[in-house]
Amino acid sequence: MNQTGKEQTAGPLAPARNTPLVLLRQLRLTAGFFTVLPLARSGSLEEIAAAGYLLPAVGVLLGLVEGPLAWFSWRALGPQVAAALALAAALLLTGMHHADGLADTGDAIMVHGDAARRIEVLKDRTMGIGAAGALIITYLLTWAGLAQLLAAGSGSSGLSVIFHFIWLLLVMETAARLSLLLTAMLSRPSHGGSGSIFILALKGWRAAWGLALAGAILALTSVGLGFLAVSAATAAAVMTALSVTVLARRLFGGAGGDVLGASLELGRMAALLGLLAVLLPRA
């Protein structure tokens, strides 16, 4: 979760009362910060972090864009290319900021030394073999899982195919953000920076509301994909968050923005594999 490319201006913290207008502003701030969509970016970093519990709603927004794209490209080019285009959209719509966190975390994990040395590598902008390996492994498995899910779901008839694809992408993007939220909730900041502001903000009632929102969205998707499949995806994302949290605490003494970004990307991959384990047709 590395957003250094977006400048923020100072602004007042959101009012305590979550009126519809306040919620709408918070959603616009969150979507504007975590995506490249032309939405509000005029809040302070503290205000945006306080609205971070709405990240699952951003996952819904992305899934509603990526699902139809996967369907159109599947009809024209087949499931493999459709999966690649949907994954490319997922990365491009978020400005590849979470991918940058995955790469930096991969490099830092490969370094020998104490937490201070690893954090130094996290802040280094150059890419090493650890970054390349983390990106290749994560996105290769993500693409392969999504391609198989699209191929398996294409057996549906008529308009049910597009709805099936939308359900898949909604689960993928919501579960990814569930992984980030849970990692933030369970972690302490490993060093200063924008990531530490989000980690400190996503505690208490904000963490609870964020997890509840993600759970409600995932429960809704079970109408289209089935309870067992969505449960497997959710469990995979939760296990990913727990694993990332434990590993980050051991290696870095906590988490930062890069670790949160890595948790999101790994959570997406894990959720797809969880779906695949249930939905893949057996011979």
Protein backbone atom coordinates (compact mmCIF):
# COMPACT_ATOMS: atom_id res chain seq x y z
CA MET A 1 0.00 0.00 0.00
CA ASN A 2 2.39 2.61 -1.26
CA GLN A 3 0.64 5.83 -2.26
CA THR A 4 3.56 8.25 -2.43
CA GLY A 5 2.56 9.31 -5.94
CA LYS A 6 -0.67 10.99 -4.75
CA GLU A 7 -0.43 14.30 -2.97
CA GLN A 8 -2.87 14.99 -0.15
CA THR A 9 -3.94 18.34 1.21
CA ALA A 10 -4.68 19.00 4.82
CA GLY A 11 -8.30 18.73 5.83
CA PRO A 12 -10.47 18.28 8.91
CA LEU A 13 -11.10 14.84 10.32
CA ALA A 14 -14.47 13.36 9.40
CA PRO A 15 -17.30 14.18 11.82
CA ALA A 16 -18.08 11.52 14.37
CA ARG A 17 -21.69 11.13 13.14
CA ASN A 18 -21.81 8.83 10.15
CA THR A 19 -24.58 10.60 8.26
CA PRO A 20 -25.21 9.55 4.65
CA LEU A 21 -23.26 12.57 3.37
CA VAL A 22 -20.31 11.75 5.63
CA LEU A 23 -20.33 8.12 4.51
CA LEU A 24 -20.47 9.20 0.87
CA ARG A 25 -17.50 11.52 1.36
CA GLN A 26 -15.57 8.79 3.16
CA LEU A 27 -16.29 6.34 0.35
CA ARG A 28 -15.16 8.85 -2.27
CA LEU A 29 -11.97 9.53 -0.31
CA THR A 30 -11.22 5.84 0.10
CA ALA A 31 -11.96 4.98 -3.53
CA GLY A 32 -10.06 8.04 -4.74
CA PHE A 33 -6.99 7.15 -2.70
CA PHE A 34 -6.90 3.41 -3.35
CA THR A 35 -7.78 3.54 -7.06
CA VAL A 36 -6.99 5.68 -10.09
CA LEU A 37 -10.66 6.51 -10.57
CA PRO A 38 -11.35 10.29 -10.78
CA LEU A 39 -12.87 10.67 -7.32
CA ALA A 40 -12.19 12.93 -4.32
CA ARG A 41 -8.56 13.20 -3.26
CA SER A 42 -8.78 16.35 -1.16
CA GLY A 43 -8.69 14.81 2.31
CA SER A 44 -5.78 14.56 4.68
CA LEU A 45 -4.02 11.23 5.06
CA GLU A 46 -5.45 10.90 8.57
CA GLU A 47 -8.99 11.44 7.27
CA ILE A 48 -8.51 8.88 4.51
CA ALA A 49 -7.08 6.36 6.98
CA ALA A 50 -10.10 6.89 9.23
CA ALA A 51 -12.31 6.01 6.26
CA GLY A 52 -10.26 2.92 5.43
CA TYR A 53 -12.88 0.61 6.95
CA LEU A 54 -14.85 1.16 3.72
CA LEU A 55 -12.21 -0.67 1.66
CA PRO A 56 -14.52 -3.67 1.05
CA ALA A 57 -16.89 -1.29 -0.76
CA VAL A 58 -13.98 -0.34 -3.02
CA GLY A 59 -13.60 -4.04 -3.74
CA VAL A 60 -17.24 -4.13 -4.87
CA LEU A 61 -16.65 -1.16 -7.17
CA LEU A 62 -13.65 -2.87 -8.76
CA GLY A 63 -15.43 -6.21 -9.07
CA LEU A 64 -18.34 -4.56 -10.89
CA VAL A 65 -15.86 -3.20 -13.44
CA GLU A 66 -13.73 -6.31 -13.77
CA GLY A 67 -16.59 -8.83 -13.97
CA PRO A 68 -18.16 -7.52 -17.20
CA LEU A 69 -14.67 -7.02 -18.65
CA ALA A 70 -13.90 -10.69 -17.96
CA TRP A 71 -17.17 -11.71 -19.59
CA PHE A 72 -16.66 -9.65 -22.76
CA SER A 73 -13.04 -10.78 -23.16
CA TRP A 74 -14.03 -14.40 -22.44
CA ARG A 75 -16.54 -14.30 -25.29
CA ALA A 76 -14.00 -12.80 -27.67
CA LEU A 77 -10.70 -14.34 -26.58
CA GLY A 78 -11.28 -17.27 -24.24
CA PRO A 79 -10.80 -17.80 -20.49
CA GLN A 80 -6.99 -17.56 -20.37
CA VAL A 81 -6.81 -14.13 -21.99
CA ALA A 82 -9.93 -13.02 -20.11
CA ALA A 83 -8.26 -13.89 -16.81
CA ALA A 84 -5.12 -11.98 -17.82
CA LEU A 85 -7.14 -8.90 -18.78
CA ALA A 86 -9.19 -9.01 -15.57
CA LEU A 87 -6.03 -9.28 -13.48
CA ALA A 88 -4.42 -6.45 -15.48
CA ALA A 89 -7.49 -4.32 -14.78
CA ALA A 90 -7.28 -5.15 -11.06
CA LEU A 91 -3.68 -3.95 -10.98
CA LEU A 92 -4.08 -0.91 -13.22
CA LEU A 93 -7.23 0.37 -11.50
CA THR A 94 -5.30 0.49 -8.21
CA GLY A 95 -2.27 2.12 -9.80
CA MET A 96 -0.21 -0.99 -8.99
CA HIS A 97 0.42 0.46 -5.52
CA HIS A 98 -0.31 -2.81 -3.74
CA ALA A 99 1.87 -4.66 -6.25
CA ASP A 100 4.70 -2.30 -5.29
CA GLY A 101 4.22 -3.33 -1.66
CA LEU A 102 4.34 -7.00 -2.64
CA ALA A 103 7.59 -6.44 -4.52
CA ASP A 104 9.24 -4.51 -1.67
CA THR A 105 8.15 -7.13 0.86
CA GLY A 106 9.56 -9.90 -1.32
CA ASP A 107 12.95 -8.19 -1.41
CA ALA A 108 12.94 -7.55 2.35
CA ILE A 109 12.11 -11.16 3.17
CA MET A 110 15.13 -12.36 1.19
CA VAL A 111 17.58 -10.11 3.06
CA HIS A 112 19.77 -11.48 5.85
CA GLY A 113 19.92 -9.27 8.90
CA ASP A 114 17.85 -7.80 11.70
CA ALA A 115 14.53 -5.96 11.49
CA ALA A 116 16.22 -2.61 10.94
CA ARG A 117 18.10 -3.94 7.92
CA ARG A 118 14.94 -5.48 6.46
CA ILE A 119 12.98 -2.26 6.94
CA GLU A 120 15.77 -0.40 5.15
CA VAL A 121 15.28 -2.73 2.18
CA LEU A 122 11.50 -2.17 2.33
CA LYS A 123 12.13 1.53 1.72
CA ASP A 124 14.59 0.90 -1.13
CA ARG A 125 13.01 1.60 -4.52
CA THR A 126 15.19 -0.83 -6.48
CA MET A 127 13.92 -4.32 -7.34
CA GLY A 128 15.85 -7.47 -6.53
CA ILE A 129 15.30 -11.16 -7.06
CA GLY A 130 12.98 -11.37 -4.06
CA ALA A 131 10.65 -8.79 -5.61
CA ALA A 132 10.68 -10.55 -8.98
CA GLY A 133 9.97 -13.90 -7.36
CA ALA A 134 7.11 -12.56 -5.23
CA LEU A 135 5.46 -10.91 -8.23
CA ILE A 136 5.87 -13.87 -10.59
CA ILE A 137 4.68 -16.51 -8.13
CA THR A 138 1.72 -14.48 -6.84
CA TYR A 139 0.40 -13.33 -10.20
CA LEU A 140 1.07 -16.61 -11.98
CA LEU A 141 -1.05 -18.45 -9.40
CA THR A 142 -3.67 -15.66 -9.44
CA TRP A 143 -3.97 -15.78 -13.22
CA ALA A 144 -4.06 -19.59 -13.34
CA GLY A 145 -6.74 -19.80 -10.64
CA LEU A 146 -8.90 -17.12 -12.26
CA ALA A 147 -8.52 -18.68 -15.73
CA GLN A 148 -9.71 -22.06 -14.45
CA LEU A 149 -12.63 -20.46 -12.62
CA LEU A 150 -13.69 -18.58 -15.75
CA ALA A 151 -13.41 -21.72 -17.84
CA ALA A 152 -15.44 -23.74 -15.33
CA GLY A 153 -18.11 -21.05 -15.03
CA SER A 154 -18.50 -20.63 -18.78
CA GLY A 155 -20.67 -23.75 -18.85
CA SER A 156 -23.60 -21.66 -17.61
CA SER A 157 -26.20 -20.56 -20.12
CA GLY A 158 -27.32 -17.11 -21.28
CA LEU A 159 -26.93 -14.07 -19.07
CA SER A 160 -26.16 -16.25 -16.04
CA VAL A 161 -22.55 -16.39 -17.28
CA ILE A 162 -21.95 -12.67 -16.83
CA PHE A 163 -23.50 -12.74 -13.35
CA HIS A 164 -21.34 -15.73 -12.44
CA PHE A 165 -18.23 -13.84 -13.56
CA ILE A 166 -19.27 -10.77 -11.57
CA TRP A 167 -19.78 -12.89 -8.44
CA LEU A 168 -16.28 -14.36 -8.89
CA LEU A 169 -14.61 -10.97 -9.24
CA LEU A 170 -16.58 -9.52 -6.30
CA VAL A 171 -15.35 -12.33 -4.06
CA MET A 172 -11.79 -11.92 -5.33
CA GLU A 173 -11.61 -8.19 -4.67
CA THR A 174 -13.56 -8.17 -1.40
CA ALA A 175 -11.57 -11.05 0.10
CA ALA A 176 -8.33 -9.28 -0.88
CA ARG A 177 -9.37 -6.22 1.11
CA LEU A 178 -10.53 -8.37 4.00
CA SER A 179 -6.97 -9.68 4.15
CA LEU A 180 -5.55 -6.14 4.27
CA LEU A 181 -8.00 -5.00 6.95
CA LEU A 182 -7.33 -8.00 9.16
CA THR A 183 -3.57 -7.55 8.81
CA ALA A 184 -3.88 -3.89 9.79
CA MET A 185 -6.13 -4.72 12.72
CA LEU A 186 -3.73 -7.33 14.13
CA SER A 187 -0.47 -5.49 13.45
CA ARG A 188 1.49 -2.72 15.08
CA PRO A 189 3.49 -0.24 12.98
CA SER A 190 7.02 -1.42 12.25
CA HIS A 191 8.21 2.06 11.24
CA GLY A 192 6.88 5.52 10.43
CA GLY A 193 5.17 6.37 7.17
CA SER A 194 1.74 6.39 5.59
CA GLY A 195 1.21 2.71 6.36
CA SER A 196 1.56 3.31 10.10
CA ILE A 197 -1.23 5.90 9.95
CA PHE A 198 -3.58 3.34 8.43
CA ILE A 199 -2.56 0.63 10.90
CA LEU A 200 -3.23 2.92 13.86
CA ALA A 201 -6.56 4.07 12.40
CA LEU A 202 -7.90 0.62 11.55
CA LYS A 203 -8.41 -0.48 15.12
CA GLY A 204 -11.42 -0.74 17.41
CA TRP A 205 -14.79 0.09 15.90
CA ARG A 206 -13.31 0.90 12.48
CA ALA A 207 -11.75 -2.54 12.23
CA ALA A 208 -15.00 -4.15 13.41
CA TRP A 209 -17.10 -2.25 10.89
CA GLY A 210 -14.65 -3.01 8.08
CA LEU A 211 -14.64 -6.73 8.81
CA ALA A 212 -18.44 -6.72 9.17
CA LEU A 213 -18.82 -4.95 5.82
CA ALA A 214 -16.52 -7.44 4.11
CA GLY A 215 -18.40 -10.32 5.72
CA ALA A 216 -21.77 -8.95 4.58
CA ILE A 217 -20.57 -8.54 1.00
CA LEU A 218 -19.09 -12.04 0.92
CA ALA A 219 -22.28 -13.48 2.42
CA LEU A 220 -24.24 -11.82 -0.39
CA THR A 221 -22.00 -13.39 -3.04
CA SER A 222 -22.78 -16.83 -1.64
CA VAL A 223 -26.21 -16.43 -3.26
CA GLY A 224 -24.51 -16.75 -6.64
CA LEU A 225 -21.54 -19.00 -5.86
CA GLY A 226 -22.71 -21.09 -2.93
CA PHE A 227 -21.95 -20.93 0.76
CA LEU A 228 -19.16 -23.51 0.69
CA ALA A 229 -17.20 -21.83 -2.12
CA VAL A 230 -17.38 -18.34 -0.57
CA SER A 231 -16.52 -19.78 2.85
CA ALA A 232 -13.42 -21.41 1.38
CA ALA A 233 -12.37 -18.12 -0.25
CA THR A 234 -12.96 -16.20 2.97
CA ALA A 235 -11.04 -18.73 5.06
CA ALA A 236 -8.13 -18.60 2.60
CA ALA A 237 -8.00 -14.79 2.82
CA VAL A 238 -8.15 -14.88 6.63
CA MET A 239 -5.37 -17.47 6.81
CA THR A 240 -3.28 -15.32 4.49
CA ALA A 241 -3.74 -12.28 6.72
CA LEU A 242 -2.80 -14.25 9.82
CA SER A 243 0.30 -15.68 8.12
CA VAL A 244 1.41 -12.28 6.83
CA THR A 245 0.87 -10.72 10.26
CA VAL A 246 2.94 -13.36 12.04
CA LEU A 247 5.72 -13.25 9.44
CA ALA A 248 5.85 -9.44 9.43
CA ARG A 249 6.03 -9.29 13.22
CA ARG A 250 8.86 -11.80 13.22
CA LEU A 251 10.88 -10.18 10.42
CA PHE A 252 10.05 -6.47 10.76
CA GLY A 253 8.67 -6.10 14.27
CA GLY A 254 5.28 -5.16 12.80
CA ALA A 255 3.79 -4.01 9.53
CA GLY A 256 3.91 -1.00 7.26
CA GLY A 257 2.28 0.06 4.02
CA ASP A 258 4.27 -2.42 1.94
CA VAL A 259 3.20 -5.35 4.10
CA LEU A 260 -0.45 -4.25 3.88
CA GLY A 261 -0.16 -4.12 0.09
CA ALA A 262 1.42 -7.57 0.04
CA SER A 263 -1.38 -8.91 2.23
CA LEU A 264 -3.98 -7.64 -0.24
CA GLU A 265 -2.30 -9.18 -3.28
CA LEU A 266 -1.68 -12.50 -1.52
CA GLY A 267 -5.23 -12.48 -0.16
CA ARG A 268 -6.60 -12.13 -3.69
CA MET A 269 -4.54 -15.10 -4.84
CA ALA A 270 -5.56 -17.22 -1.85
CA ALA A 271 -9.26 -16.40 -2.25
CA LEU A 272 -9.20 -17.52 -5.89
CA LEU A 273 -7.50 -20.77 -4.96
CA GLY A 274 -10.08 -21.31 -2.22
CA LEU A 275 -12.90 -20.79 -4.73
CA LEU A 276 -11.19 -23.11 -7.18
CA ALA A 277 -10.84 -25.90 -4.64
CA VAL A 278 -14.64 -25.99 -4.32
CA LEU A 279 -15.90 -24.94 -7.77
CA LEU A 280 -13.49 -26.83 -10.04
CA PRO A 281 -15.41 -29.66 -11.71
CA ARG A 282 -14.11 -33.09 -10.77
CA ALA A 283 -13.79 -35.79 -13.42
